[in-house]
Amino acid sequence: MNTHVIRAMGVLAPNDLRLIWRDGFLLSIMAFVLPLACLGLRWLAPFAAELVAQWVVLEPYYGLIVASVIIAGQPVMLGFVIGILFIEERDEGTLLALQASPLSLRSFLGYRLLVAMGLNVVLTTIGVYFAGLVSVSLFVILVSATLASLGVPLVALIYAIYIKNKVQALMLLKPVQIWSGLPTLLFFVPTPWQWIGSVPMPLYYPMRLFWSASENQAEWWLVIPGFLIPGAALLWLLRRFQRTVYA
C-alpha cells in the first residue's frame, strides 16, 4: 500500500469515525442494520421456505438469497455510507481544502475507498457465517466479497458526483438498493440476456460465483468480467470525481 495512503489513514480515520458517530443514521447502519440483516436470514429464510413449501422448494435457492442480500447488498449499503461522508465533506469544504494541504486528493481517495472495500470484505465474510444457510469455503467467500467490494466505490462515487445534498441521498437510497437486487432477476432470464444485463449490473458476477460455488460448481472464470467491468467504470468515475472537485 502507498505510504501516502497509509499516512492518510492516520490523519483521516479519526475524522471518519467522528462523522459516523455524530450521525446516528450512519452509525445504526454500520453497527446494527447490516449485522442484523445477515443474522435475520438464519431464521427468515427457513420460515419463508415453510410458508411456500406447497408451491416451491426454496432451499436450493438459499445460495442465491445469501448472494443477493449479503454479497450484493452489503457493498451497496457500505457505499451509501461512504457516499454520505463524501457529501458532508464536500459541503463542509474539506475536499477543496485538500488542494492547500500536503495530502493529495488521490491519497485521500485511496485511503477512503481501499479501507471501505476492505471493511466490506470483512463484513461480508462475517455476514455469510451469521446467516449460516449455505456451506462454502472461506476462499470462495473472500473472492466473491472482494469482487463485490468494487461496488462500494461505485456507489460512493456516484453519490459524491451526482447527489447534491444528504436529503437527496436518502431519497435515492431505495433506487440504489433496487439496482443491487436486479442482478437476482438475471438468473431467471435466457442466457443471452444474462450477459447483456450484467454489464450495467456488475454485482451479478460475484453473486453468480458465490451461488455456483454453493452448489459445488464454482465458475471461476467470472472473476475476469467481475473485475474488468466494474474496474473500467470505477476508473471513469474517479476521473469524473477529480474534475468535479477541482471545477
C-alpha atoms as a PDB file:
ATOM      1  CA  MET A   1       0.000   0.000   0.000  1.00  0.00           C
ATOM      2  CA  ASN A   2       1.256   3.502  -0.891  1.00  0.00           C
ATOM      3  CA  THR A   3       2.925   5.370   2.006  1.00  0.00           C
ATOM      4  CA  HIS A   4       0.764   8.410   1.242  1.00  0.00           C
ATOM      5  CA  VAL A   5      -2.345   6.274   1.673  1.00  0.00           C
ATOM      6  CA  ILE A   6      -1.020   4.930   4.994  1.00  0.00           C
ATOM      7  CA  ARG A   7      -0.359   8.461   6.175  1.00  0.00           C
ATOM      8  CA  ALA A   8      -3.884   9.447   5.101  1.00  0.00           C
ATOM      9  CA  MET A   9      -5.276   6.680   7.302  1.00  0.00           C
ATOM     10  CA  GLY A  10      -3.653   8.147  10.395  1.00  0.00           C
ATOM     11  CA  VAL A  11      -4.872  11.644   9.588  1.00  0.00           C
ATOM     12  CA  LEU A  12      -8.385  10.974   8.299  1.00  0.00           C
ATOM     13  CA  ALA A  13      -9.552   7.806  10.083  1.00  0.00           C
ATOM     14  CA  PRO A  14     -10.346   9.617  13.380  1.00  0.00           C
ATOM     15  CA  ASN A  15     -12.371  12.206  11.455  1.00  0.00           C
ATOM     16  CA  ASP A  16     -14.340   9.498   9.629  1.00  0.00           C
ATOM     17  CA  LEU A  17     -15.147   7.802  12.916  1.00  0.00           C
ATOM     18  CA  ARG A  18     -16.263  11.129  14.352  1.00  0.00           C
ATOM     19  CA  LEU A  19     -18.583  11.800  11.407  1.00  0.00           C
ATOM     20  CA  ILE A  20     -20.125   8.319  11.602  1.00  0.00           C
ATOM     21  CA  TRP A  21     -20.527   8.556  15.382  1.00  0.00           C
ATOM     22  CA  ARG A  22     -22.097  12.015  15.109  1.00  0.00           C
ATOM     23  CA  ASP A  23     -24.591  10.814  12.510  1.00  0.00           C
ATOM     24  CA  GLY A  24     -26.851   8.343  14.284  1.00  0.00           C
ATOM     25  CA  PHE A  25     -28.298   7.095  10.983  1.00  0.00           C
ATOM     26  CA  LEU A  26     -24.912   6.090   9.590  1.00  0.00           C
ATOM     27  CA  LEU A  27     -23.915   4.572  12.916  1.00  0.00           C
ATOM     28  CA  SER A  28     -27.085   2.480  13.039  1.00  0.00           C
ATOM     29  CA  ILE A  29     -26.411   1.112   9.547  1.00  0.00           C
ATOM     30  CA  MET A  30     -22.835   0.155  10.411  1.00  0.00           C
ATOM     31  CA  ALA A  31     -23.477  -1.239  13.883  1.00  0.00           C
ATOM     32  CA  PHE A  32     -26.994  -2.686  13.700  1.00  0.00           C
ATOM     33  CA  VAL A  33     -28.731  -2.837  10.310  1.00  0.00           C
ATOM     34  CA  LEU A  34     -26.049  -4.737   8.369  1.00  0.00           C
ATOM     35  CA  PRO A  35     -25.266  -7.359  11.061  1.00  0.00           C
ATOM     36  CA  LEU A  36     -28.932  -7.877  11.992  1.00  0.00           C
ATOM     37  CA  ALA A  37     -29.963  -8.303   8.345  1.00  0.00           C
ATOM     38  CA  CYS A  38     -27.389 -11.069   7.950  1.00  0.00           C
ATOM     39  CA  LEU A  39     -28.299 -12.723  11.233  1.00  0.00           C
ATOM     40  CA  GLY A  40     -32.010 -12.474  10.437  1.00  0.00           C
ATOM     41  CA  LEU A  41     -31.580 -14.605   7.317  1.00  0.00           C
ATOM     42  CA  ARG A  42     -30.740 -17.581   9.515  1.00  0.00           C
ATOM     43  CA  TRP A  43     -34.379 -17.694  10.676  1.00  0.00           C
ATOM     44  CA  LEU A  44     -36.277 -15.810   7.978  1.00  0.00           C
ATOM     45  CA  ALA A  45     -35.212 -17.994   5.053  1.00  0.00           C
ATOM     46  CA  PRO A  46     -36.302 -21.332   6.638  1.00  0.00           C
ATOM     47  CA  PHE A  47     -39.515 -19.675   7.853  1.00  0.00           C
ATOM     48  CA  ALA A  48     -40.288 -18.422   4.338  1.00  0.00           C
ATOM     49  CA  ALA A  49     -39.422 -21.867   2.946  1.00  0.00           C
ATOM     50  CA  GLU A  50     -42.087 -23.444   5.150  1.00  0.00           C
ATOM     51  CA  LEU A  51     -44.697 -20.899   4.055  1.00  0.00           C
ATOM     52  CA  VAL A  52     -44.194 -21.568   0.342  1.00  0.00           C
ATOM     53  CA  ALA A  53     -43.336 -25.276   0.606  1.00  0.00           C
ATOM     54  CA  GLN A  54     -46.517 -26.389  -1.152  1.00  0.00           C
ATOM     55  CA  TRP A  55     -45.685 -24.267  -4.222  1.00  0.00           C
ATOM     56  CA  VAL A  56     -41.895 -24.214  -4.450  1.00  0.00           C
ATOM     57  CA  VAL A  57     -38.882 -25.744  -2.742  1.00  0.00           C
ATOM     58  CA  LEU A  58     -36.899 -22.736  -1.558  1.00  0.00           C
ATOM     59  CA  GLU A  59     -33.864 -24.476  -0.079  1.00  0.00           C
ATOM     60  CA  PRO A  60     -31.981 -24.870  -3.405  1.00  0.00           C
ATOM     61  CA  TYR A  61     -32.105 -21.080  -3.690  1.00  0.00           C
ATOM     62  CA  TYR A  62     -30.519 -20.335  -0.313  1.00  0.00           C
ATOM     63  CA  GLY A  63     -27.214 -19.644  -2.045  1.00  0.00           C
ATOM     64  CA  LEU A  64     -28.899 -17.087  -4.308  1.00  0.00           C
ATOM     65  CA  ILE A  65     -30.664 -15.486  -1.351  1.00  0.00           C
ATOM     66  CA  VAL A  66     -27.397 -15.091   0.552  1.00  0.00           C
ATOM     67  CA  ALA A  67     -25.703 -13.787  -2.597  1.00  0.00           C
ATOM     68  CA  SER A  68     -28.453 -11.217  -3.154  1.00  0.00           C
ATOM     69  CA  VAL A  69     -28.816  -9.971   0.407  1.00  0.00           C
ATOM     70  CA  ILE A  70     -25.213 -10.167   1.648  1.00  0.00           C
ATOM     71  CA  ILE A  71     -22.781 -10.461  -1.269  1.00  0.00           C
ATOM     72  CA  ALA A  72     -24.566  -7.758  -3.311  1.00  0.00           C
ATOM     73  CA  GLY A  73     -26.450  -5.905  -0.574  1.00  0.00           C
ATOM     74  CA  GLN A  74     -23.550  -5.276   1.785  1.00  0.00           C
ATOM     75  CA  PRO A  75     -21.342  -3.224  -0.595  1.00  0.00           C
ATOM     76  CA  VAL A  76     -24.285  -1.073  -1.695  1.00  0.00           C
ATOM     77  CA  MET A  77     -25.147  -0.100   1.876  1.00  0.00           C
ATOM     78  CA  LEU A  78     -21.496   0.500   2.747  1.00  0.00           C
ATOM     79  CA  GLY A  79     -21.061   2.524  -0.447  1.00  0.00           C
ATOM     80  CA  PHE A  80     -24.040   4.601   0.646  1.00  0.00           C
ATOM     81  CA  VAL A  81     -22.367   5.327   3.996  1.00  0.00           C
ATOM     82  CA  ILE A  82     -19.099   6.355   2.306  1.00  0.00           C
ATOM     83  CA  GLY A  83     -21.022   8.427  -0.224  1.00  0.00           C
ATOM     84  CA  ILE A  84     -22.710  10.336   2.617  1.00  0.00           C
ATOM     85  CA  LEU A  85     -19.278  11.057   4.100  1.00  0.00           C
ATOM     86  CA  PHE A  86     -18.145  12.454   0.743  1.00  0.00           C
ATOM     87  CA  ILE A  87     -21.226  14.674   0.543  1.00  0.00           C
ATOM     88  CA  GLU A  88     -20.719  16.026   4.071  1.00  0.00           C
ATOM     89  CA  GLU A  89     -17.051  16.735   3.398  1.00  0.00           C
ATOM     90  CA  ARG A  90     -17.891  18.447   0.127  1.00  0.00           C
ATOM     91  CA  ASP A  91     -20.475  20.644   1.860  1.00  0.00           C
ATOM     92  CA  GLU A  92     -18.023  21.472   4.655  1.00  0.00           C
ATOM     93  CA  GLY A  93     -15.281  22.360   2.165  1.00  0.00           C
ATOM     94  CA  THR A  94     -12.971  19.530   3.233  1.00  0.00           C
ATOM     95  CA  LEU A  95     -12.396  18.325  -0.322  1.00  0.00           C
ATOM     96  CA  LEU A  96     -11.457  21.809  -1.521  1.00  0.00           C
ATOM     97  CA  ALA A  97      -9.151  22.243   1.468  1.00  0.00           C
ATOM     98  CA  LEU A  98      -7.130  19.250   0.227  1.00  0.00           C
ATOM     99  CA  GLN A  99      -5.820  21.460  -2.562  1.00  0.00           C
ATOM    100  CA  ALA A 100      -3.889  23.504   0.018  1.00  0.00           C
ATOM    101  CA  SER A 101      -2.744  20.554   2.128  1.00  0.00           C
ATOM    102  CA  PRO A 102       0.203  18.162   1.745  1.00  0.00           C
ATOM    103  CA  LEU A 103      -2.307  15.333   1.340  1.00  0.00           C
ATOM    104  CA  SER A 104      -3.329  14.880  -2.299  1.00  0.00           C
ATOM    105  CA  LEU A 105      -6.824  14.067  -3.457  1.00  0.00           C
ATOM    106  CA  ARG A 106      -5.504  10.810  -4.901  1.00  0.00           C
ATOM    107  CA  SER A 107      -4.143   9.734  -1.488  1.00  0.00           C
ATOM    108  CA  PHE A 108      -7.414  10.716   0.155  1.00  0.00           C
ATOM    109  CA  LEU A 109      -9.434   8.658  -2.318  1.00  0.00           C
ATOM    110  CA  GLY A 110      -7.019   5.755  -1.988  1.00  0.00           C
ATOM    111  CA  TYR A 111      -7.411   5.727   1.780  1.00  0.00           C
ATOM    112  CA  ARG A 112     -11.188   6.146   1.817  1.00  0.00           C
ATOM    113  CA  LEU A 113     -12.031   3.648  -0.891  1.00  0.00           C
ATOM    114  CA  LEU A 114      -9.480   0.946  -0.038  1.00  0.00           C
ATOM    115  CA  VAL A 115     -10.465   0.964   3.632  1.00  0.00           C
ATOM    116  CA  ALA A 116     -14.146   0.788   2.672  1.00  0.00           C
ATOM    117  CA  MET A 117     -13.520  -2.123   0.309  1.00  0.00           C
ATOM    118  CA  GLY A 118     -11.505  -3.959   2.952  1.00  0.00           C
ATOM    119  CA  LEU A 119     -14.232  -3.369   5.514  1.00  0.00           C
ATOM    120  CA  ASN A 120     -16.786  -4.731   3.060  1.00  0.00           C
ATOM    121  CA  VAL A 121     -14.821  -7.978   2.687  1.00  0.00           C
ATOM    122  CA  VAL A 122     -14.703  -8.385   6.477  1.00  0.00           C
ATOM    123  CA  LEU A 123     -18.401  -7.570   6.998  1.00  0.00           C
ATOM    124  CA  THR A 124     -19.488  -9.787   4.102  1.00  0.00           C
ATOM    125  CA  THR A 125     -17.474 -12.733   5.398  1.00  0.00           C
ATOM    126  CA  ILE A 126     -18.952 -12.321   8.871  1.00  0.00           C
ATOM    127  CA  GLY A 127     -22.415 -11.898   7.388  1.00  0.00           C
ATOM    128  CA  VAL A 128     -22.262 -15.156   5.429  1.00  0.00           C
ATOM    129  CA  TYR A 129     -21.283 -17.029   8.593  1.00  0.00           C
ATOM    130  CA  PHE A 130     -24.008 -15.242  10.561  1.00  0.00           C
ATOM    131  CA  ALA A 131     -26.612 -16.363   8.017  1.00  0.00           C
ATOM    132  CA  GLY A 132     -25.390 -19.968   8.114  1.00  0.00           C
ATOM    133  CA  LEU A 133     -27.620 -21.020   5.227  1.00  0.00           C
ATOM    134  CA  VAL A 134     -25.009 -22.405   2.854  1.00  0.00           C
ATOM    135  CA  SER A 135     -21.711 -24.209   3.177  1.00  0.00           C
ATOM    136  CA  VAL A 136     -18.928 -22.667   1.112  1.00  0.00           C
ATOM    137  CA  SER A 137     -15.200 -22.375   1.657  1.00  0.00           C
ATOM    138  CA  LEU A 138     -13.632 -19.275   3.161  1.00  0.00           C
ATOM    139  CA  PHE A 139     -11.706 -18.794  -0.092  1.00  0.00           C
ATOM    140  CA  VAL A 140     -14.939 -18.608  -2.111  1.00  0.00           C
ATOM    141  CA  ILE A 141     -16.398 -16.087   0.320  1.00  0.00           C
ATOM    142  CA  LEU A 142     -13.280 -13.920   0.185  1.00  0.00           C
ATOM    143  CA  VAL A 143     -13.090 -13.949  -3.628  1.00  0.00           C
ATOM    144  CA  SER A 144     -16.818 -13.210  -4.002  1.00  0.00           C
ATOM    145  CA  ALA A 145     -16.659 -10.463  -1.370  1.00  0.00           C
ATOM    146  CA  THR A 146     -13.567  -8.936  -2.986  1.00  0.00           C
ATOM    147  CA  LEU A 147     -15.264  -8.774  -6.380  1.00  0.00           C
ATOM    148  CA  ALA A 148     -18.415  -7.363  -4.815  1.00  0.00           C
ATOM    149  CA  SER A 149     -16.355  -4.784  -2.907  1.00  0.00           C
ATOM    150  CA  LEU A 150     -15.821  -2.948  -6.201  1.00  0.00           C
ATOM    151  CA  GLY A 151     -19.452  -1.927  -5.811  1.00  0.00           C
ATOM    152  CA  VAL A 152     -18.562   0.142  -2.731  1.00  0.00           C
ATOM    153  CA  PRO A 153     -16.562   2.834  -4.570  1.00  0.00           C
ATOM    154  CA  LEU A 154     -19.001   2.738  -7.494  1.00  0.00           C
ATOM    155  CA  VAL A 155     -21.939   3.649  -5.268  1.00  0.00           C
ATOM    156  CA  ALA A 156     -19.896   6.072  -3.132  1.00  0.00           C
ATOM    157  CA  LEU A 157     -18.532   8.000  -6.128  1.00  0.00           C
ATOM    158  CA  ILE A 158     -21.921   8.163  -7.850  1.00  0.00           C
ATOM    159  CA  TYR A 159     -23.303   9.763  -4.687  1.00  0.00           C
ATOM    160  CA  ALA A 160     -20.327  12.123  -4.392  1.00  0.00           C
ATOM    161  CA  ILE A 161     -20.517  13.232  -8.035  1.00  0.00           C
ATOM    162  CA  TYR A 162     -24.212  13.427  -8.784  1.00  0.00           C
ATOM    163  CA  ILE A 163     -26.031  13.907  -5.456  1.00  0.00           C
ATOM    164  CA  LYS A 164     -26.354  17.498  -4.261  1.00  0.00           C
ATOM    165  CA  ASN A 165     -27.154  17.039  -0.580  1.00  0.00           C
ATOM    166  CA  LYS A 166     -27.858  14.498   2.148  1.00  0.00           C
ATOM    167  CA  VAL A 167     -31.653  14.731   1.787  1.00  0.00           C
ATOM    168  CA  GLN A 168     -31.423  13.807  -1.879  1.00  0.00           C
ATOM    169  CA  ALA A 169     -29.032  10.980  -0.987  1.00  0.00           C
ATOM    170  CA  LEU A 170     -31.568   9.477   1.415  1.00  0.00           C
ATOM    171  CA  MET A 171     -34.306   9.749  -1.217  1.00  0.00           C
ATOM    172  CA  LEU A 172     -32.201   7.805  -3.720  1.00  0.00           C
ATOM    173  CA  LEU A 173     -31.196   5.033  -1.309  1.00  0.00           C
ATOM    174  CA  LYS A 174     -34.127   2.833  -2.320  1.00  0.00           C
ATOM    175  CA  PRO A 175     -33.431   3.049  -6.104  1.00  0.00           C
ATOM    176  CA  VAL A 176     -29.803   2.107  -5.427  1.00  0.00           C
ATOM    177  CA  GLN A 177     -30.942  -0.855  -3.317  1.00  0.00           C
ATOM    178  CA  ILE A 178     -33.234  -1.927  -6.162  1.00  0.00           C
ATOM    179  CA  TRP A 179     -30.250  -1.722  -8.534  1.00  0.00           C
ATOM    180  CA  SER A 180     -28.320  -4.087  -6.262  1.00  0.00           C
ATOM    181  CA  GLY A 181     -31.243  -6.516  -6.261  1.00  0.00           C
ATOM    182  CA  LEU A 182     -31.840  -6.517 -10.018  1.00  0.00           C
ATOM    183  CA  PRO A 183     -28.999  -8.986 -10.751  1.00  0.00           C
ATOM    184  CA  THR A 184     -31.112 -11.607  -8.980  1.00  0.00           C
ATOM    185  CA  LEU A 185     -33.616 -11.397 -11.835  1.00  0.00           C
ATOM    186  CA  LEU A 186     -30.890 -12.179 -14.360  1.00  0.00           C
ATOM    187  CA  PHE A 187     -30.696 -15.738 -13.035  1.00  0.00           C
ATOM    188  CA  PHE A 188     -34.216 -16.362 -14.367  1.00  0.00           C
ATOM    189  CA  VAL A 189     -33.896 -14.961 -17.899  1.00  0.00           C
ATOM    190  CA  PRO A 190     -32.472 -16.626 -21.045  1.00  0.00           C
ATOM    191  CA  THR A 191     -28.685 -16.806 -21.254  1.00  0.00           C
ATOM    192  CA  PRO A 192     -28.013 -14.023 -23.802  1.00  0.00           C
ATOM    193  CA  TRP A 193     -29.918 -11.510 -21.657  1.00  0.00           C
ATOM    194  CA  GLN A 194     -27.996 -12.523 -18.545  1.00  0.00           C
ATOM    195  CA  TRP A 195     -24.732 -11.287 -20.059  1.00  0.00           C
ATOM    196  CA  ILE A 196     -26.276  -8.185 -21.599  1.00  0.00           C
ATOM    197  CA  GLY A 197     -27.882  -7.231 -18.312  1.00  0.00           C
ATOM    198  CA  SER A 198     -24.732  -7.940 -16.323  1.00  0.00           C
ATOM    199  CA  VAL A 199     -22.859  -5.003 -17.896  1.00  0.00           C
ATOM    200  CA  PRO A 200     -24.854  -2.289 -16.062  1.00  0.00           C
ATOM    201  CA  MET A 201     -25.250  -4.625 -13.062  1.00  0.00           C
ATOM    202  CA  PRO A 202     -21.726  -5.968 -12.366  1.00  0.00           C
ATOM    203  CA  LEU A 203     -22.705  -7.350  -8.946  1.00  0.00           C
ATOM    204  CA  TYR A 204     -24.149 -10.249 -10.943  1.00  0.00           C
ATOM    205  CA  TYR A 205     -20.657 -11.773 -11.273  1.00  0.00           C
ATOM    206  CA  PRO A 206     -19.795 -12.172  -7.565  1.00  0.00           C
ATOM    207  CA  MET A 207     -23.364 -13.276  -6.906  1.00  0.00           C
ATOM    208  CA  ARG A 208     -23.174 -15.980  -9.581  1.00  0.00           C
ATOM    209  CA  LEU A 209     -19.722 -17.084  -8.416  1.00  0.00           C
ATOM    210  CA  PHE A 210     -20.991 -17.485  -4.851  1.00  0.00           C
ATOM    211  CA  TRP A 211     -24.183 -19.311  -5.824  1.00  0.00           C
ATOM    212  CA  SER A 212     -22.396 -21.666  -8.215  1.00  0.00           C
ATOM    213  CA  ALA A 213     -19.839 -22.443  -5.504  1.00  0.00           C
ATOM    214  CA  SER A 214     -22.635 -23.165  -3.025  1.00  0.00           C
ATOM    215  CA  GLU A 215     -23.786 -25.841  -5.486  1.00  0.00           C
ATOM    216  CA  ASN A 216     -20.242 -27.246  -5.800  1.00  0.00           C
ATOM    217  CA  GLN A 217     -19.910 -25.925  -9.363  1.00  0.00           C
ATOM    218  CA  ALA A 218     -17.821 -22.783  -8.881  1.00  0.00           C
ATOM    219  CA  GLU A 219     -17.445 -20.765 -12.106  1.00  0.00           C
ATOM    220  CA  TRP A 220     -14.060 -19.151 -11.516  1.00  0.00           C
ATOM    221  CA  TRP A 221     -13.915 -17.531 -14.956  1.00  0.00           C
ATOM    222  CA  LEU A 222     -16.429 -14.984 -13.617  1.00  0.00           C
ATOM    223  CA  VAL A 223     -13.530 -13.308 -11.795  1.00  0.00           C
ATOM    224  CA  ILE A 224     -12.358 -11.804 -15.100  1.00  0.00           C
ATOM    225  CA  PRO A 225     -15.510  -9.880 -16.129  1.00  0.00           C
ATOM    226  CA  GLY A 226     -16.304  -9.351 -12.447  1.00  0.00           C
ATOM    227  CA  PHE A 227     -13.104  -7.332 -12.142  1.00  0.00           C
ATOM    228  CA  LEU A 228     -12.795  -5.706 -15.571  1.00  0.00           C
ATOM    229  CA  ILE A 229     -16.306  -4.279 -15.983  1.00  0.00           C
ATOM    230  CA  PRO A 230     -16.667  -2.513 -12.610  1.00  0.00           C
ATOM    231  CA  GLY A 231     -12.961  -1.643 -12.760  1.00  0.00           C
ATOM    232  CA  ALA A 232     -13.471   0.269 -16.016  1.00  0.00           C
ATOM    233  CA  ALA A 233     -16.497   2.065 -14.558  1.00  0.00           C
ATOM    234  CA  LEU A 234     -14.505   2.908 -11.432  1.00  0.00           C
ATOM    235  CA  LEU A 235     -11.659   4.481 -13.422  1.00  0.00           C
ATOM    236  CA  TRP A 236     -14.145   6.673 -15.278  1.00  0.00           C
ATOM    237  CA  LEU A 237     -15.854   7.743 -12.045  1.00  0.00           C
ATOM    238  CA  LEU A 238     -12.518   8.577 -10.395  1.00  0.00           C
ATOM    239  CA  ARG A 239     -11.633  10.927 -13.246  1.00  0.00           C
ATOM    240  CA  ARG A 240     -15.106  12.440 -13.111  1.00  0.00           C
ATOM    241  CA  PHE A 241     -14.810  12.930  -9.346  1.00  0.00           C
ATOM    242  CA  GLN A 242     -11.481  14.741  -9.679  1.00  0.00           C
ATOM    243  CA  ARG A 243     -12.921  17.079 -12.311  1.00  0.00           C
ATOM    244  CA  THR A 244     -15.921  17.753 -10.050  1.00  0.00           C
ATOM    245  CA  VAL A 245     -13.774  18.662  -7.032  1.00  0.00           C
ATOM    246  CA  TYR A 246     -11.419  20.906  -8.943  1.00  0.00           C
ATOM    247  CA  ALA A 247     -14.095  22.506 -11.138  1.00  0.00           C
END
